[in-house]
C-alpha atoms as a PDB file:
ATOM      1  CA  MET A   1     -86.613 -53.382 119.298  1.00  0.00           C
ATOM      2  CA  GLN A   2     -87.145 -50.132 117.358  1.00  0.00           C
ATOM      3  CA  ASN A   3     -84.373 -48.984 115.010  1.00  0.00           C
ATOM      4  CA  ASN A   4     -83.245 -45.457 115.895  1.00  0.00           C
ATOM      5  CA  ASP A   5     -80.926 -44.968 112.908  1.00  0.00           C
ATOM      6  CA  PRO A   6     -82.578 -42.342 110.665  1.00  0.00           C
ATOM      7  CA  PHE A   7     -80.842 -43.647 107.540  1.00  0.00           C
ATOM      8  CA  GLU A   8     -82.114 -47.171 108.235  1.00  0.00           C
ATOM      9  CA  ILE A   9     -85.632 -45.823 108.814  1.00  0.00           C
ATOM     10  CA  LEU A  10     -85.555 -44.174 105.382  1.00  0.00           C
ATOM     11  CA  LYS A  11     -84.290 -47.369 103.767  1.00  0.00           C
ATOM     12  CA  SER A  12     -86.847 -49.553 105.555  1.00  0.00           C
ATOM     13  CA  THR A  13     -89.708 -47.449 104.159  1.00  0.00           C
ATOM     14  CA  ASP A  14     -88.363 -47.392 100.583  1.00  0.00           C
ATOM     15  CA  ALA A  15     -87.808 -43.643 100.836  1.00  0.00           C
ATOM     16  CA  LEU A  16     -84.451 -43.968  99.033  1.00  0.00           C
ATOM     17  CA  LEU A  17     -84.897 -44.722  95.326  1.00  0.00           C
ATOM     18  CA  ASP A  18     -82.398 -45.519  92.543  1.00  0.00           C
ATOM     19  CA  GLY A  19     -82.939 -44.581  88.878  1.00  0.00           C
ATOM     20  CA  HIS A  20     -83.006 -41.367  86.797  1.00  0.00           C
ATOM     21  CA  PHE A  21     -84.947 -38.554  88.413  1.00  0.00           C
ATOM     22  CA  LYS A  22     -85.861 -34.959  87.621  1.00  0.00           C
ATOM     23  CA  LEU A  23     -85.806 -33.141  90.940  1.00  0.00           C
ATOM     24  CA  SER A  24     -88.137 -30.273  91.825  1.00  0.00           C
ATOM     25  CA  SER A  25     -85.064 -28.006  91.502  1.00  0.00           C
ATOM     26  CA  GLY A  26     -84.861 -29.011  87.809  1.00  0.00           C
ATOM     27  CA  LEU A  27     -81.602 -30.917  88.334  1.00  0.00           C
ATOM     28  CA  HIS A  28     -81.260 -34.627  87.520  1.00  0.00           C
ATOM     29  CA  SER A  29     -80.029 -37.374  89.851  1.00  0.00           C
ATOM     30  CA  LYS A  30     -79.391 -41.125  90.069  1.00  0.00           C
ATOM     31  CA  LYS A  31     -81.010 -41.187  93.519  1.00  0.00           C
ATOM     32  CA  TYR A  32     -84.236 -39.771  94.856  1.00  0.00           C
ATOM     33  CA  ILE A  33     -85.350 -39.373  98.421  1.00  0.00           C
ATOM     34  CA  GLN A  34     -89.122 -39.693  98.639  1.00  0.00           C
ATOM     35  CA  CYS A  35     -89.919 -38.747 102.251  1.00  0.00           C
ATOM     36  CA  ALA A  36     -93.611 -39.231 101.535  1.00  0.00           C
ATOM     37  CA  LYS A  37     -92.849 -42.945 101.842  1.00  0.00           C
ATOM     38  CA  VAL A  38     -91.724 -42.402 105.472  1.00  0.00           C
ATOM     39  CA  PHE A  39     -94.807 -40.302 106.194  1.00  0.00           C
ATOM     40  CA  GLN A  40     -96.980 -43.341 105.449  1.00  0.00           C
ATOM     41  CA  TYR A  41     -95.894 -44.579 108.887  1.00  0.00           C
ATOM     42  CA  PRO A  42     -96.815 -42.108 111.651  1.00  0.00           C
ATOM     43  CA  GLU A  43     -94.704 -43.905 114.262  1.00  0.00           C
ATOM     44  CA  LYS A  44     -91.572 -43.619 112.070  1.00  0.00           C
ATOM     45  CA  SER A  45     -92.318 -39.965 111.248  1.00  0.00           C
ATOM     46  CA  GLN A  46     -92.784 -39.232 114.931  1.00  0.00           C
ATOM     47  CA  LEU A  47     -89.503 -40.951 115.797  1.00  0.00           C
ATOM     48  CA  LEU A  48     -87.566 -38.936 113.196  1.00  0.00           C
ATOM     49  CA  CYS A  49     -89.094 -35.657 114.422  1.00  0.00           C
ATOM     50  CA  GLU A  50     -88.306 -36.521 118.044  1.00  0.00           C
ATOM     51  CA  MET A  51     -84.662 -37.005 116.981  1.00  0.00           C
ATOM     52  CA  LEU A  52     -84.703 -33.605 115.308  1.00  0.00           C
ATOM     53  CA  LYS A  53     -86.355 -32.025 118.344  1.00  0.00           C
ATOM     54  CA  GLU A  54     -83.247 -32.942 120.346  1.00  0.00           C
ATOM     55  CA  LYS A  55     -81.005 -31.271 117.742  1.00  0.00           C
ATOM     56  CA  LEU A  56     -83.159 -28.119 117.883  1.00  0.00           C
ATOM     57  CA  ALA A  57     -82.965 -27.787 121.679  1.00  0.00           C
ATOM     58  CA  GLY A  58     -82.220 -24.231 122.680  1.00  0.00           C
ATOM     59  CA  LEU A  59     -84.005 -22.574 119.766  1.00  0.00           C
ATOM     60  CA  GLU A  60     -86.984 -20.469 120.787  1.00  0.00           C
ATOM     61  CA  ILE A  61     -89.725 -21.416 118.312  1.00  0.00           C
ATOM     62  CA  GLU A  62     -93.408 -20.429 118.230  1.00  0.00           C
ATOM     63  CA  THR A  63     -94.467 -21.707 114.796  1.00  0.00           C
ATOM     64  CA  VAL A  64     -93.271 -24.248 112.240  1.00  0.00           C
ATOM     65  CA  ILE A  65     -93.782 -23.367 108.570  1.00  0.00           C
ATOM     66  CA  GLY A  66     -93.445 -25.776 105.663  1.00  0.00           C
ATOM     67  CA  PRO A  67     -93.562 -25.128 101.936  1.00  0.00           C
ATOM     68  CA  ALA A  68     -96.272 -26.989 100.020  1.00  0.00           C
ATOM     69  CA  ILE A  69     -96.346 -29.770  99.062  1.00  0.00           C
ATOM     70  CA  GLY A  70     -93.333 -31.718 100.305  1.00  0.00           C
ATOM     71  CA  GLY A  71     -92.887 -29.810 103.535  1.00  0.00           C
ATOM     72  CA  ILE A  72     -96.500 -29.893 104.755  1.00  0.00           C
ATOM     73  CA  ILE A  73     -96.534 -33.270 106.504  1.00  0.00           C
ATOM     74  CA  PHE A  74     -92.998 -32.902 107.833  1.00  0.00           C
ATOM     75  CA  ALA A  75     -93.712 -29.398 109.191  1.00  0.00           C
ATOM     76  CA  TYR A  76     -96.882 -30.679 110.833  1.00  0.00           C
ATOM     77  CA  GLU A  77     -95.069 -33.612 112.463  1.00  0.00           C
ATOM     78  CA  MET A  78     -92.269 -31.291 113.581  1.00  0.00           C
ATOM     79  CA  SER A  79     -94.757 -28.868 115.145  1.00  0.00           C
ATOM     80  CA  ARG A  80     -96.455 -31.787 116.880  1.00  0.00           C
ATOM     81  CA  ALA A  81     -93.130 -32.960 118.331  1.00  0.00           C
ATOM     82  CA  LEU A  82     -92.446 -29.413 119.535  1.00  0.00           C
ATOM     83  CA  GLY A  83     -96.035 -28.848 120.723  1.00  0.00           C
ATOM     84  CA  ILE A  84     -96.458 -25.592 118.782  1.00  0.00           C
ATOM     85  CA  LYS A  85     -98.443 -24.007 115.935  1.00  0.00           C
ATOM     86  CA  ASN A  86     -98.021 -25.116 112.321  1.00  0.00           C
ATOM     87  CA  ILE A  87     -98.812 -23.399 109.018  1.00  0.00           C
ATOM     88  CA  PHE A  88     -97.726 -23.835 105.414  1.00  0.00           C
ATOM     89  CA  ALA A  89     -97.046 -21.677 102.386  1.00  0.00           C
ATOM     90  CA  GLU A  90     -98.181 -22.560  98.897  1.00  0.00           C
ATOM     91  CA  ARG A  91     -97.706 -21.251  95.396  1.00  0.00           C
ATOM     92  CA  LYS A  92    -100.176 -18.833  93.853  1.00  0.00           C
ATOM     93  CA  ASP A  93     -99.314 -17.394  90.447  1.00  0.00           C
ATOM     94  CA  GLY A  94     -95.816 -18.887  90.791  1.00  0.00           C
ATOM     95  CA  GLU A  95     -94.958 -17.300  94.147  1.00  0.00           C
ATOM     96  CA  MET A  96     -95.087 -18.625  97.701  1.00  0.00           C
ATOM     97  CA  THR A  97     -97.817 -17.070  99.797  1.00  0.00           C
ATOM     98  CA  PHE A  98     -99.859 -17.768 102.910  1.00  0.00           C
ATOM     99  CA  ARG A  99    -103.488 -18.586 102.213  1.00  0.00           C
ATOM    100  CA  ARG A 100    -106.309 -20.333 104.074  1.00  0.00           C
ATOM    101  CA  GLY A 101    -106.366 -17.635 106.741  1.00  0.00           C
ATOM    102  CA  PHE A 102    -102.808 -18.335 107.972  1.00  0.00           C
ATOM    103  CA  GLU A 103    -101.255 -15.326 109.668  1.00  0.00           C
ATOM    104  CA  ILE A 104     -97.918 -14.445 111.217  1.00  0.00           C
ATOM    105  CA  LYS A 105     -97.578 -11.866 113.958  1.00  0.00           C
ATOM    106  CA  LYS A 106     -94.778  -9.317 113.940  1.00  0.00           C
ATOM    107  CA  GLY A 107     -91.820 -10.790 115.829  1.00  0.00           C
ATOM    108  CA  GLU A 108     -93.215 -14.359 115.755  1.00  0.00           C
ATOM    109  CA  LYS A 109     -90.317 -16.824 115.992  1.00  0.00           C
ATOM    110  CA  VAL A 110     -90.627 -19.349 113.175  1.00  0.00           C
ATOM    111  CA  LEU A 111     -88.817 -22.524 112.177  1.00  0.00           C
ATOM    112  CA  LEU A 112     -88.892 -23.449 108.495  1.00  0.00           C
ATOM    113  CA  ALA A 113     -89.283 -27.178 107.818  1.00  0.00           C
ATOM    114  CA  GLU A 114     -88.607 -28.895 104.478  1.00  0.00           C
ATOM    115  CA  ASP A 115     -88.498 -32.675 104.100  1.00  0.00           C
ATOM    116  CA  VAL A 116     -85.519 -32.730 101.688  1.00  0.00           C
ATOM    117  CA  VAL A 117     -83.186 -29.825 100.867  1.00  0.00           C
ATOM    118  CA  THR A 118     -81.430 -29.995  97.489  1.00  0.00           C
ATOM    119  CA  THR A 119     -80.880 -26.368  96.502  1.00  0.00           C
ATOM    120  CA  GLY A 120     -82.948 -24.859  99.305  1.00  0.00           C
ATOM    121  CA  GLY A 121     -84.849 -22.588  96.933  1.00  0.00           C
ATOM    122  CA  SER A 122     -88.383 -23.244  98.182  1.00  0.00           C
ATOM    123  CA  VAL A 123     -87.577 -22.999 101.876  1.00  0.00           C
ATOM    124  CA  LEU A 124     -85.507 -19.848 101.282  1.00  0.00           C
ATOM    125  CA  GLU A 125     -88.479 -18.318  99.461  1.00  0.00           C
ATOM    126  CA  VAL A 126     -90.762 -19.177 102.404  1.00  0.00           C
ATOM    127  CA  GLY A 127     -88.271 -17.669 104.852  1.00  0.00           C
ATOM    128  CA  LYS A 128     -88.140 -14.406 102.925  1.00  0.00           C
ATOM    129  CA  LEU A 129     -91.950 -14.368 102.809  1.00  0.00           C
ATOM    130  CA  ALA A 130     -92.154 -14.887 106.576  1.00  0.00           C
ATOM    131  CA  GLU A 131     -89.619 -12.111 107.215  1.00  0.00           C
ATOM    132  CA  SER A 132     -91.475  -9.744 104.876  1.00  0.00           C
ATOM    133  CA  LEU A 133     -94.484 -10.184 107.172  1.00  0.00           C
ATOM    134  CA  GLY A 134     -92.445  -9.394 110.291  1.00  0.00           C
ATOM    135  CA  ALA A 135     -91.564 -12.906 111.496  1.00  0.00           C
ATOM    136  CA  GLU A 136     -88.182 -13.776 112.944  1.00  0.00           C
ATOM    137  CA  VAL A 137     -86.809 -16.882 111.246  1.00  0.00           C
ATOM    138  CA  VAL A 138     -84.843 -18.745 113.929  1.00  0.00           C
ATOM    139  CA  GLY A 139     -83.758 -21.615 111.686  1.00  0.00           C
ATOM    140  CA  ILE A 140     -84.424 -24.229 109.048  1.00  0.00           C
ATOM    141  CA  THR A 141     -84.734 -27.949 109.637  1.00  0.00           C
ATOM    142  CA  SER A 142     -85.012 -30.896 107.271  1.00  0.00           C
ATOM    143  CA  LEU A 143     -85.062 -34.659 107.437  1.00  0.00           C
ATOM    144  CA  VAL A 144     -82.429 -34.826 104.702  1.00  0.00           C
ATOM    145  CA  ASP A 145     -79.837 -32.358 103.450  1.00  0.00           C
ATOM    146  CA  ARG A 146     -78.913 -33.754 100.055  1.00  0.00           C
ATOM    147  CA  SER A 147     -77.149 -30.558  98.951  1.00  0.00           C
ATOM    148  CA  GLY A 148     -73.690 -31.825  99.862  1.00  0.00           C
ATOM    149  CA  GLY A 149     -73.302 -28.743 102.053  1.00  0.00           C
ATOM    150  CA  LYS A 150     -74.012 -26.429  99.105  1.00  0.00           C
ATOM    151  CA  ALA A 151     -77.372 -25.087 100.308  1.00  0.00           C
ATOM    152  CA  LYS A 152     -76.625 -21.823 102.108  1.00  0.00           C
ATOM    153  CA  PHE A 153     -79.104 -19.896 104.194  1.00  0.00           C
ATOM    154  CA  PRO A 154     -79.004 -16.697 106.237  1.00  0.00           C
ATOM    155  CA  TRP A 155     -80.401 -18.734 109.139  1.00  0.00           C
ATOM    156  CA  LYS A 156     -79.203 -21.730 111.160  1.00  0.00           C
ATOM    157  CA  PHE A 157     -79.726 -25.009 109.233  1.00  0.00           C
ATOM    158  CA  VAL A 158     -80.316 -28.204 111.240  1.00  0.00           C
ATOM    159  CA  PRO A 159     -80.821 -31.349 109.117  1.00  0.00           C
ATOM    160  CA  LEU A 160     -81.309 -34.782 110.642  1.00  0.00           C
ATOM    161  CA  ILE A 161     -79.284 -36.542 107.932  1.00  0.00           C
ATOM    162  CA  GLU A 162     -76.731 -35.253 105.453  1.00  0.00           C
ATOM    163  CA  LEU A 163     -76.374 -37.233 102.213  1.00  0.00           C
ATOM    164  CA  GLU A 164     -74.007 -36.486  99.361  1.00  0.00           C
ATOM    165  CA  VAL A 165     -76.040 -37.288  96.255  1.00  0.00           C
ATOM    166  CA  GLU A 166     -74.644 -36.278  92.890  1.00  0.00           C
ATOM    167  CA  THR A 167     -76.894 -34.071  90.765  1.00  0.00           C
ATOM    168  CA  PHE A 168     -76.572 -33.100  87.113  1.00  0.00           C
ATOM    169  CA  ASP A 169     -77.539 -30.136  85.003  1.00  0.00           C
ATOM    170  CA  PRO A 170     -80.132 -31.433  82.492  1.00  0.00           C
ATOM    171  CA  ASP A 171     -77.891 -30.350  79.587  1.00  0.00           C
ATOM    172  CA  ASP A 172     -74.965 -32.395  80.932  1.00  0.00           C
ATOM    173  CA  CYS A 173     -76.727 -35.403  82.471  1.00  0.00           C
ATOM    174  CA  PRO A 174     -74.980 -38.753  81.755  1.00  0.00           C
ATOM    175  CA  LEU A 175     -78.265 -40.622  82.274  1.00  0.00           C
ATOM    176  CA  CYS A 176     -79.985 -38.501  79.612  1.00  0.00           C
ATOM    177  CA  LYS A 177     -77.073 -39.177  77.239  1.00  0.00           C
ATOM    178  CA  GLU A 178     -77.594 -42.925  77.848  1.00  0.00           C
ATOM    179  CA  ASN A 179     -81.363 -42.507  77.206  1.00  0.00           C
ATOM    180  CA  VAL A 180     -82.243 -43.841  80.662  1.00  0.00           C
ATOM    181  CA  PRO A 181     -85.977 -43.165  81.240  1.00  0.00           C
ATOM    182  CA  ILE A 182     -86.532 -40.231  83.580  1.00  0.00           C
ATOM    183  CA  TYR A 183     -89.078 -39.971  86.385  1.00  0.00           C
ATOM    184  CA  SER A 184     -90.372 -36.811  88.036  1.00  0.00           C
ATOM    185  CA  PRO A 185     -91.679 -37.828  91.449  1.00  0.00           C
ATOM    186  CA  GLY A 186     -91.459 -34.304  92.917  1.00  0.00           C
ATOM    187  CA  SER A 187     -94.421 -31.960  93.194  1.00  0.00           C
ATOM    188  CA  ARG A 188     -93.382 -29.211  90.775  1.00  0.00           C
ATOM    189  CA  PHE A 189     -92.458 -31.306  87.740  1.00  0.00           C
ATOM    190  CA  SER A 190     -94.576 -34.434  88.090  1.00  0.00           C
ATOM    191  CA  LYS A 191     -95.647 -36.111  84.857  1.00  0.00           C
END
């Protein structure tokens, strides 16, 4: 029998890690959620996106957009579950942009998809980019909201799971003070 508990799916794929981590936001944490571990298993990724599809019912969406790198696979799987177009934004000279011939039409209804939201900075940047090109952002979705409800957006936010995970400013991190080795598994600050 297949487990339909999203938290258990993350645990079963070793997507929840314990240690001392530097997040892509620059903050530090005792826990890290590595959704790439879930994406190793297409059937589990599909199941999670089907669960999210139910939560997104009623939203009119034409395109799913993910920020590179973490959001690419999730956005693709989400677009597949919804049966719609998928594109991604990536950094060029430090700013999010659309490359590779990706285009957005004026008035196109887009859903932003990020695997894990901590501060929401990257997905917010992608949303502003999409709006600057004339798109209508109808919402944001994520597998995990680890912001503790602190990530605020001008659009509807629909996470599959909400986790309260304590984060620390690097200058006031208890793990740093204890000299616990730090790991940077995220895309922006990887060692």
